Amino acid sequence: MKIYLTSRLFITLNLMFFSFFIKAWNQTNASSFEKKKPSSEKKLFESDNVLQITLRGNMRELLNDRKNIPKNYPLSLSYANEDSMEIILKAEVKTRGHFRRLKENCVYPPLLIQFPKEGDHLSSVFREQKKIKLVMPCRGDEYIIREWMVYKLYNLVTPKSFKARLVKIIMVDSNSKKTVTPFYGLLLEEEKQMAKRNKLISVEYKISPERLQQEAFLNMAVFEYLIGNTDWSIQFLQNVKLLTKDSTTVPMPVPYDFDHAGIVNTPYARPAEALEMKSVRERRYRGYCIKGMKVFEDIIARYNELKKDIYSLYGDCPLLEAKYIKSTIKYLDEFYATINNPKAWQKEFSYPCDKNGTGNVVIKGLKQD
């Protein structure tokens, strides 16, 4: 009898313990699932709305760290989600770049924000970003808006382009508690993310422009001509990234970093001396020599198809000054007058064939990445 009661008690206790264990396990995993379930927020680059972000940390030391090998600084990045709830994320940030990182050139250096492998950012608008570039204003944030427009313009031309998100930045120094007057910045899509979106991979190796996919290269080269940008080269991968399907496929170029473009017209932008140009507003085609001009016809047709959208992009943007819109429309008019005049565009696009010209000058930039 005693044995029976003891066994019964043992079984009862085991059942109670098992039931408690299952309940605890379910609660734990339900909580874990809640944390890991996908966010209903739009992804970072799915919206054109200006995102307001607050950066809190040792901002003074971070912004003054302009060394060749900068330190990482811990800080918090916060923003309001679609339900107006404040989302606070942990991150590490360091300065980056070459020209814009130098104090003598820019007030604020560009930043690189790096998120931890695990954390709340995985259920935030930043869930697809491991690291992300933040372009800070160099000489006034109106030029940030203008550069954002150039990224938007190239998005119209091809999906094989970097997406950008305009942000309003509030900086709070954790030591002084000082808050800087909010200003505009620009978040740029990661290179690997851009490649993945196009079902391609990013590569980095020395190559001549003639060995790239010709249509993709001409598309980019004419675009750089449109915006008046000469600060790029394939040979040194100066402000250009390469995408390809695999190791056996011919790569294609993707441009970025447009603050020296004539259409942006920053006060510090100057053409390279070797180009012998007076101003960045002067257009110079910087492709390679092609004898048969017929290859440009489809490219020109593509830009004519996009004409209405390109003009609307600038004309309908409420963040641009009326004076700048007017001058940009005139700048676009000059481009379209050229490409719709066969003699004019053939002269412009054959410039690299001129042995006495500067069409074959290669721009190296300040430093290789």
Protein backbone atom coordinates (compact mmCIF):
# COMPACT_ATOMS: atom_id res chain seq x y z
CA MET A 1 0.00 0.00 0.00
CA LYS A 2 2.79 2.38 0.88
CA ILE A 3 4.57 1.59 -2.36
CA TYR A 4 1.41 2.38 -4.34
CA LEU A 5 0.93 5.77 -2.68
CA THR A 6 4.58 6.67 -3.17
CA SER A 7 4.46 5.75 -6.84
CA ARG A 8 1.24 7.68 -7.32
CA LEU A 9 2.72 10.73 -5.63
CA PHE A 10 5.87 10.42 -7.75
CA ILE A 11 3.84 10.29 -10.97
CA THR A 12 1.70 13.26 -9.88
CA LEU A 13 4.75 15.34 -9.07
CA ASN A 14 6.34 14.47 -12.39
CA LEU A 15 3.20 15.46 -14.27
CA MET A 16 3.05 18.77 -12.41
CA PHE A 17 6.71 19.47 -13.13
CA PHE A 18 6.30 18.54 -16.81
CA SER A 19 3.23 20.74 -17.12
CA PHE A 20 5.09 23.66 -15.51
CA PHE A 21 8.10 23.11 -17.81
CA ILE A 22 5.93 23.08 -20.96
CA LYS A 23 4.13 26.26 -19.89
CA ALA A 24 7.42 28.04 -19.14
CA TRP A 25 8.93 26.85 -22.42
CA ASN A 26 5.92 28.09 -24.39
CA GLN A 27 6.01 31.49 -22.68
CA THR A 28 9.73 31.88 -23.31
CA ASN A 29 9.49 30.92 -26.96
CA ALA A 30 6.36 32.99 -27.49
CA SER A 31 8.26 35.97 -26.10
CA SER A 32 11.23 35.13 -28.31
CA PHE A 33 8.95 34.82 -31.33
CA GLU A 34 7.40 38.20 -30.58
CA LYS A 35 10.87 39.75 -30.61
CA LYS A 36 11.91 38.07 -33.83
CA LYS A 37 8.72 38.37 -35.84
CA PRO A 38 9.10 40.58 -38.93
CA SER A 39 8.42 44.29 -38.55
CA SER A 40 5.36 45.66 -40.32
CA GLU A 41 7.26 48.90 -40.99
CA LYS A 42 8.33 49.70 -44.51
CA LYS A 43 11.96 48.91 -45.24
CA LEU A 44 14.37 51.83 -45.04
CA PHE A 45 14.53 52.51 -48.78
CA GLU A 46 10.87 51.81 -49.57
CA SER A 47 9.80 55.32 -48.59
CA ASP A 48 10.70 58.80 -49.81
CA ASN A 49 9.51 60.43 -46.58
CA VAL A 50 12.20 62.27 -44.66
CA LEU A 51 13.16 60.11 -41.67
CA GLN A 52 14.10 62.00 -38.51
CA ILE A 53 16.87 60.31 -36.53
CA THR A 54 18.57 61.26 -33.28
CA LEU A 55 22.19 60.36 -32.61
CA ARG A 56 23.25 60.35 -28.94
CA GLY A 57 26.78 59.73 -27.75
CA ASN A 58 30.21 61.29 -27.59
CA MET A 59 29.49 63.32 -30.71
CA ARG A 60 32.26 65.85 -30.17
CA GLU A 61 35.04 63.24 -30.14
CA LEU A 62 33.45 61.31 -32.99
CA LEU A 63 33.19 64.32 -35.31
CA ASN A 64 36.73 65.43 -34.47
CA ASP A 65 38.20 62.00 -35.23
CA ARG A 66 39.46 62.62 -38.76
CA LYS A 67 42.44 60.22 -38.63
CA ASN A 68 43.30 57.74 -41.38
CA ILE A 69 42.26 54.89 -39.07
CA PRO A 70 39.33 56.29 -37.05
CA LYS A 71 37.93 54.73 -33.86
CA ASN A 72 34.48 53.25 -33.37
CA TYR A 73 32.27 55.17 -30.95
CA PRO A 74 29.22 53.61 -29.26
CA LEU A 75 26.04 55.63 -29.54
CA SER A 76 22.29 55.28 -29.81
CA LEU A 77 20.21 55.94 -32.89
CA SER A 78 16.54 56.65 -32.35
CA TYR A 79 13.57 57.43 -34.54
CA ALA A 80 9.76 57.36 -34.36
CA ASN A 81 8.14 54.39 -36.10
CA GLU A 82 4.88 54.43 -38.04
CA ASP A 83 2.94 54.20 -34.74
CA SER A 84 4.83 57.23 -33.38
CA MET A 85 6.68 55.04 -30.89
CA GLU A 86 10.32 55.92 -30.21
CA ILE A 87 12.64 53.14 -31.31
CA ILE A 88 16.11 53.26 -29.73
CA LEU A 89 18.89 51.23 -31.33
CA LYS A 90 22.46 50.56 -30.25
CA ALA A 91 25.20 51.11 -32.81
CA GLU A 92 28.86 51.91 -33.32
CA VAL A 93 29.86 54.83 -35.52
CA LYS A 94 33.10 56.04 -37.06
CA THR A 95 34.14 58.70 -39.54
CA ARG A 96 34.89 57.65 -43.12
CA GLY A 97 35.63 59.01 -46.59
CA HIS A 98 38.53 60.95 -48.05
CA PHE A 99 37.84 64.48 -49.31
CA ARG A 100 34.80 65.07 -47.10
CA ARG A 101 36.52 63.70 -43.99
CA LEU A 102 39.20 66.43 -44.03
CA LYS A 103 38.45 69.35 -41.68
CA GLU A 104 39.75 71.87 -44.18
CA ASN A 105 37.10 70.69 -46.65
CA CYS A 106 33.98 69.91 -44.64
CA VAL A 107 32.31 70.92 -41.38
CA TYR A 108 30.96 67.42 -40.74
CA PRO A 109 32.70 64.21 -41.83
CA PRO A 110 30.73 61.35 -43.42
CA LEU A 111 29.90 58.55 -40.97
CA LEU A 112 29.64 54.77 -41.05
CA ILE A 113 26.97 53.31 -38.75
CA GLN A 114 27.43 49.66 -37.76
CA PHE A 115 24.73 47.63 -36.02
CA PRO A 116 25.43 44.57 -33.81
CA LYS A 117 24.73 41.08 -35.16
CA GLU A 118 21.77 40.74 -32.81
CA GLY A 119 19.58 43.49 -31.45
CA ASP A 120 16.42 45.55 -31.72
CA HIS A 121 17.43 46.88 -35.15
CA LEU A 122 16.45 43.48 -36.61
CA SER A 123 12.80 44.39 -36.03
CA SER A 124 13.17 48.04 -37.04
CA VAL A 125 13.25 50.01 -40.28
CA PHE A 126 17.01 49.24 -40.31
CA ARG A 127 16.47 45.46 -40.22
CA GLU A 128 18.26 44.82 -43.53
CA GLN A 129 21.29 46.96 -42.68
CA LYS A 130 24.43 45.57 -41.05
CA LYS A 131 26.23 48.81 -41.70
CA ILE A 132 25.18 51.94 -43.50
CA LYS A 133 26.82 55.12 -44.77
CA LEU A 134 25.53 58.45 -43.51
CA VAL A 135 26.46 61.44 -45.69
CA MET A 136 26.71 64.56 -43.54
CA PRO A 137 26.49 68.14 -44.80
CA CYS A 138 29.82 69.55 -45.88
CA ARG A 139 28.98 73.19 -46.55
CA GLY A 140 25.25 73.46 -45.96
CA ASP A 141 22.56 70.80 -46.07
CA GLU A 142 20.88 72.19 -49.20
CA TYR A 143 23.64 70.38 -51.11
CA ILE A 144 22.68 67.12 -49.37
CA ILE A 145 19.18 67.47 -50.83
CA ARG A 146 20.64 68.16 -54.27
CA GLU A 147 22.85 65.07 -54.08
CA TRP A 148 19.87 62.97 -52.94
CA MET A 149 18.07 64.11 -56.09
CA VAL A 150 20.92 62.78 -58.24
CA TYR A 151 20.57 59.33 -56.66
CA LYS A 152 16.82 59.54 -57.35
CA LEU A 153 17.55 60.53 -60.94
CA TYR A 154 19.77 57.50 -61.55
CA ASN A 155 17.12 55.27 -59.92
CA LEU A 156 14.89 56.37 -62.80
CA VAL A 157 17.53 55.34 -65.33
CA THR A 158 18.21 51.86 -63.92
CA PRO A 159 17.46 49.70 -60.87
CA LYS A 160 21.18 48.85 -60.84
CA SER A 161 21.79 51.96 -58.79
CA PHE A 162 22.19 52.90 -55.15
CA LYS A 163 19.07 53.90 -53.24
CA ALA A 164 19.27 56.80 -50.84
CA ARG A 165 17.06 58.01 -47.97
CA LEU A 166 16.95 61.62 -46.87
CA VAL A 167 17.07 62.04 -43.08
CA LYS A 168 16.78 64.92 -40.66
CA ILE A 169 19.52 64.53 -38.06
CA ILE A 170 19.40 65.62 -34.42
CA MET A 171 22.73 65.24 -32.60
CA VAL A 172 22.93 65.15 -28.81
CA ASP A 173 26.33 65.04 -27.11
CA SER A 174 26.19 62.73 -24.07
CA ASN A 175 28.80 64.74 -22.15
CA SER A 176 27.73 68.34 -22.69
CA LYS A 177 24.05 67.49 -23.33
CA LYS A 178 24.29 70.00 -26.15
CA THR A 179 21.89 69.54 -29.06
CA VAL A 180 22.92 70.69 -32.52
CA THR A 181 20.33 72.39 -34.72
CA PRO A 182 18.76 69.64 -36.88
CA PHE A 183 20.09 69.30 -40.41
CA TYR A 184 19.67 67.03 -43.43
CA GLY A 185 21.78 63.95 -44.07
CA LEU A 186 21.70 61.06 -46.49
CA LEU A 187 21.62 57.32 -45.78
CA LEU A 188 23.03 55.19 -48.61
CA GLU A 189 22.11 51.62 -49.44
CA GLU A 190 24.84 49.05 -48.72
CA GLU A 191 26.78 47.83 -51.73
CA LYS A 192 26.00 44.15 -51.04
CA GLN A 193 22.33 44.95 -50.44
CA MET A 194 22.11 46.83 -53.75
CA ALA A 195 23.76 43.89 -55.54
CA LYS A 196 21.46 41.36 -53.87
CA ARG A 197 18.39 43.40 -54.83
CA ASN A 198 19.49 43.05 -58.47
CA LYS A 199 20.36 39.34 -58.06
CA LEU A 200 24.03 40.14 -58.65
CA ILE A 201 27.24 40.22 -56.61
CA SER A 202 29.68 43.08 -56.06
CA VAL A 203 33.30 42.64 -57.12
CA GLU A 204 36.42 44.74 -56.87
CA TYR A 205 39.35 44.38 -59.23
CA LYS A 206 41.28 46.39 -61.79
CA ILE A 207 39.66 46.54 -65.19
CA SER A 208 39.60 48.91 -68.16
CA PRO A 209 36.27 50.53 -69.14
CA GLU A 210 36.42 48.83 -72.55
CA ARG A 211 36.03 45.44 -70.83
CA LEU A 212 32.79 46.32 -69.04
CA GLN A 213 29.31 45.59 -70.40
CA GLN A 214 29.17 48.26 -73.07
CA GLU A 215 25.51 49.25 -72.73
CA ALA A 216 25.75 49.53 -68.94
CA PHE A 217 28.94 51.58 -69.20
CA LEU A 218 27.54 53.95 -71.83
CA ASN A 219 24.38 54.37 -69.77
CA MET A 220 26.48 55.43 -66.80
CA ALA A 221 28.91 57.57 -68.81
CA VAL A 222 26.06 59.53 -70.44
CA PHE A 223 24.45 59.93 -67.02
CA GLU A 224 27.69 61.37 -65.61
CA TYR A 225 27.73 63.72 -68.60
CA LEU A 226 24.11 64.72 -67.91
CA ILE A 227 24.84 65.70 -64.29
CA GLY A 228 28.20 67.27 -65.15
CA ASN A 229 30.29 64.87 -63.08
CA THR A 230 33.90 64.18 -64.02
CA ASP A 231 35.07 62.88 -60.63
CA TRP A 232 35.06 59.18 -61.48
CA SER A 233 37.10 56.46 -63.15
CA ILE A 234 36.82 52.74 -63.78
CA GLN A 235 40.55 52.04 -63.60
CA PHE A 236 40.82 53.21 -59.98
CA LEU A 237 37.19 52.51 -59.05
CA GLN A 238 36.90 56.18 -58.18
CA ASN A 239 33.26 56.68 -57.13
CA VAL A 240 32.26 53.55 -59.07
CA LYS A 241 31.32 50.04 -57.91
CA LEU A 242 31.22 46.90 -60.07
CA LEU A 243 28.43 44.33 -60.24
CA THR A 244 28.42 40.96 -61.98
CA LYS A 245 26.36 37.78 -62.11
CA ASP A 246 29.30 35.46 -61.42
CA SER A 247 33.06 35.19 -61.92
CA THR A 248 32.65 34.41 -65.63
CA THR A 249 30.32 37.32 -66.47
CA VAL A 250 31.43 40.73 -67.72
CA PRO A 251 30.87 43.30 -64.93
CA MET A 252 28.85 46.50 -65.08
CA PRO A 253 29.53 49.83 -63.29
CA VAL A 254 27.36 51.59 -60.71
CA PRO A 255 28.20 55.24 -59.88
CA TYR A 256 27.90 56.96 -56.50
CA ASP A 257 29.16 60.06 -54.65
CA PHE A 258 27.95 63.04 -56.69
CA ASP A 259 28.92 66.08 -54.62
CA HIS A 260 31.39 67.23 -57.31
CA ALA A 261 28.74 67.13 -60.05
CA GLY A 262 27.78 70.34 -61.81
CA ILE A 263 24.08 69.73 -61.16
CA VAL A 264 24.79 69.70 -57.38
CA ASN A 265 27.20 72.66 -57.70
CA THR A 266 28.77 72.58 -54.23
CA PRO A 267 31.00 75.59 -53.44
CA TYR A 268 34.07 73.35 -53.02
CA ALA A 269 33.71 71.32 -56.25
CA ARG A 270 36.51 71.80 -58.77
CA PRO A 271 37.36 69.77 -61.89
CA ALA A 272 40.71 67.94 -61.81
CA GLU A 273 43.42 70.24 -63.19
CA ALA A 274 44.40 67.61 -65.77
CA LEU A 275 40.97 67.95 -67.40
CA GLU A 276 41.61 71.63 -68.19
CA MET A 277 38.04 72.63 -67.40
CA LYS A 278 36.92 75.97 -65.99
CA SER A 279 33.99 74.77 -63.88
CA VAL A 280 32.09 71.65 -62.83
CA ARG A 281 29.08 73.15 -64.61
CA GLU A 282 30.92 72.54 -67.87
CA ARG A 283 30.05 69.12 -69.26
CA ARG A 284 32.76 66.71 -70.42
CA TYR A 285 32.07 63.21 -71.72
CA ARG A 286 34.61 60.86 -70.12
CA GLY A 287 33.95 57.50 -71.76
CA TYR A 288 36.42 55.75 -74.03
CA CYS A 289 36.91 56.23 -77.77
CA ILE A 290 34.18 54.57 -79.86
CA LYS A 291 34.29 55.01 -83.63
CA GLY A 292 30.76 53.84 -84.36
CA MET A 293 28.36 56.39 -82.87
CA LYS A 294 25.32 54.21 -83.53
CA VAL A 295 25.79 52.48 -80.15
CA PHE A 296 24.64 55.71 -78.44
CA GLU A 297 21.26 55.83 -80.15
CA ASP A 298 19.44 53.48 -77.75
CA ILE A 299 20.97 55.29 -74.77
CA ILE A 300 19.81 58.65 -76.10
CA ALA A 301 16.34 57.20 -76.77
CA ARG A 302 16.21 56.00 -73.16
CA TYR A 303 16.99 59.46 -71.78
CA ASN A 304 14.38 60.99 -74.06
CA GLU A 305 11.81 58.53 -72.72
CA LEU A 306 12.70 59.64 -69.18
CA LYS A 307 12.64 63.37 -69.95
CA LYS A 308 9.23 64.08 -68.45
CA ASP A 309 10.01 62.11 -65.28
CA ILE A 310 13.41 63.77 -64.87
CA TYR A 311 11.94 67.28 -65.19
CA SER A 312 9.13 66.37 -62.78
CA LEU A 313 11.63 65.02 -60.27
CA TYR A 314 13.14 68.48 -59.91
CA GLY A 315 10.12 70.63 -60.66
CA ASP A 316 7.88 68.88 -58.12
CA CYS A 317 10.33 68.65 -55.19
CA PRO A 318 9.20 70.99 -52.35
CA LEU A 319 12.59 70.75 -50.61
CA LEU A 320 14.46 72.52 -53.41
CA GLU A 321 14.80 76.29 -53.64
CA ALA A 322 12.92 77.93 -56.51
CA LYS A 323 16.12 79.56 -57.79
CA TYR A 324 17.92 76.20 -57.86
CA ILE A 325 15.01 74.50 -59.66
CA LYS A 326 15.07 77.20 -62.33
CA SER A 327 18.84 76.88 -62.91
CA THR A 328 18.61 73.07 -62.95
CA ILE A 329 15.82 73.06 -65.51
CA LYS A 330 18.03 75.25 -67.70
CA TYR A 331 20.96 72.83 -67.13
CA LEU A 332 18.73 69.91 -68.18
CA ASP A 333 17.55 71.89 -71.23
CA GLU A 334 21.17 72.17 -72.38
CA PHE A 335 21.64 68.39 -72.05
CA TYR A 336 18.51 67.60 -74.05
CA ALA A 337 19.37 70.18 -76.70
CA THR A 338 22.69 68.37 -77.16
CA ILE A 339 21.42 64.78 -77.32
CA ASN A 340 18.68 65.75 -79.76
CA ASN A 341 21.14 67.36 -82.16
CA PRO A 342 23.07 64.56 -83.97
CA LYS A 343 26.06 66.76 -84.80
CA ALA A 344 26.27 68.06 -81.24
CA TRP A 345 26.08 64.73 -79.41
CA GLN A 346 28.42 62.98 -81.85
CA LYS A 347 30.97 65.73 -81.25
CA GLU A 348 30.57 65.46 -77.47
CA PHE A 349 30.63 61.65 -77.21
CA SER A 350 33.55 61.26 -79.59
CA TYR A 351 35.71 63.60 -77.52
CA PRO A 352 37.79 60.71 -76.04
CA CYS A 353 38.97 59.99 -79.59
CA ASP A 354 40.63 63.42 -79.74
CA LYS A 355 44.35 62.77 -79.15
CA ASN A 356 44.89 66.46 -78.34
CA GLY A 357 42.08 66.55 -75.78
CA THR A 358 41.78 65.41 -72.17
CA GLY A 359 39.15 62.78 -72.77
CA ASN A 360 41.43 59.95 -71.71
CA VAL A 361 42.58 61.44 -68.41
CA VAL A 362 42.08 58.91 -65.60
CA ILE A 363 40.90 60.30 -62.25
CA LYS A 364 42.55 58.52 -59.33
CA GLY A 365 41.02 60.42 -56.41
CA LEU A 366 42.64 61.23 -53.07
CA LYS A 367 43.15 57.67 -51.90
CA GLN A 368 42.24 54.11 -52.76
CA ASP A 369 39.74 52.39 -50.44
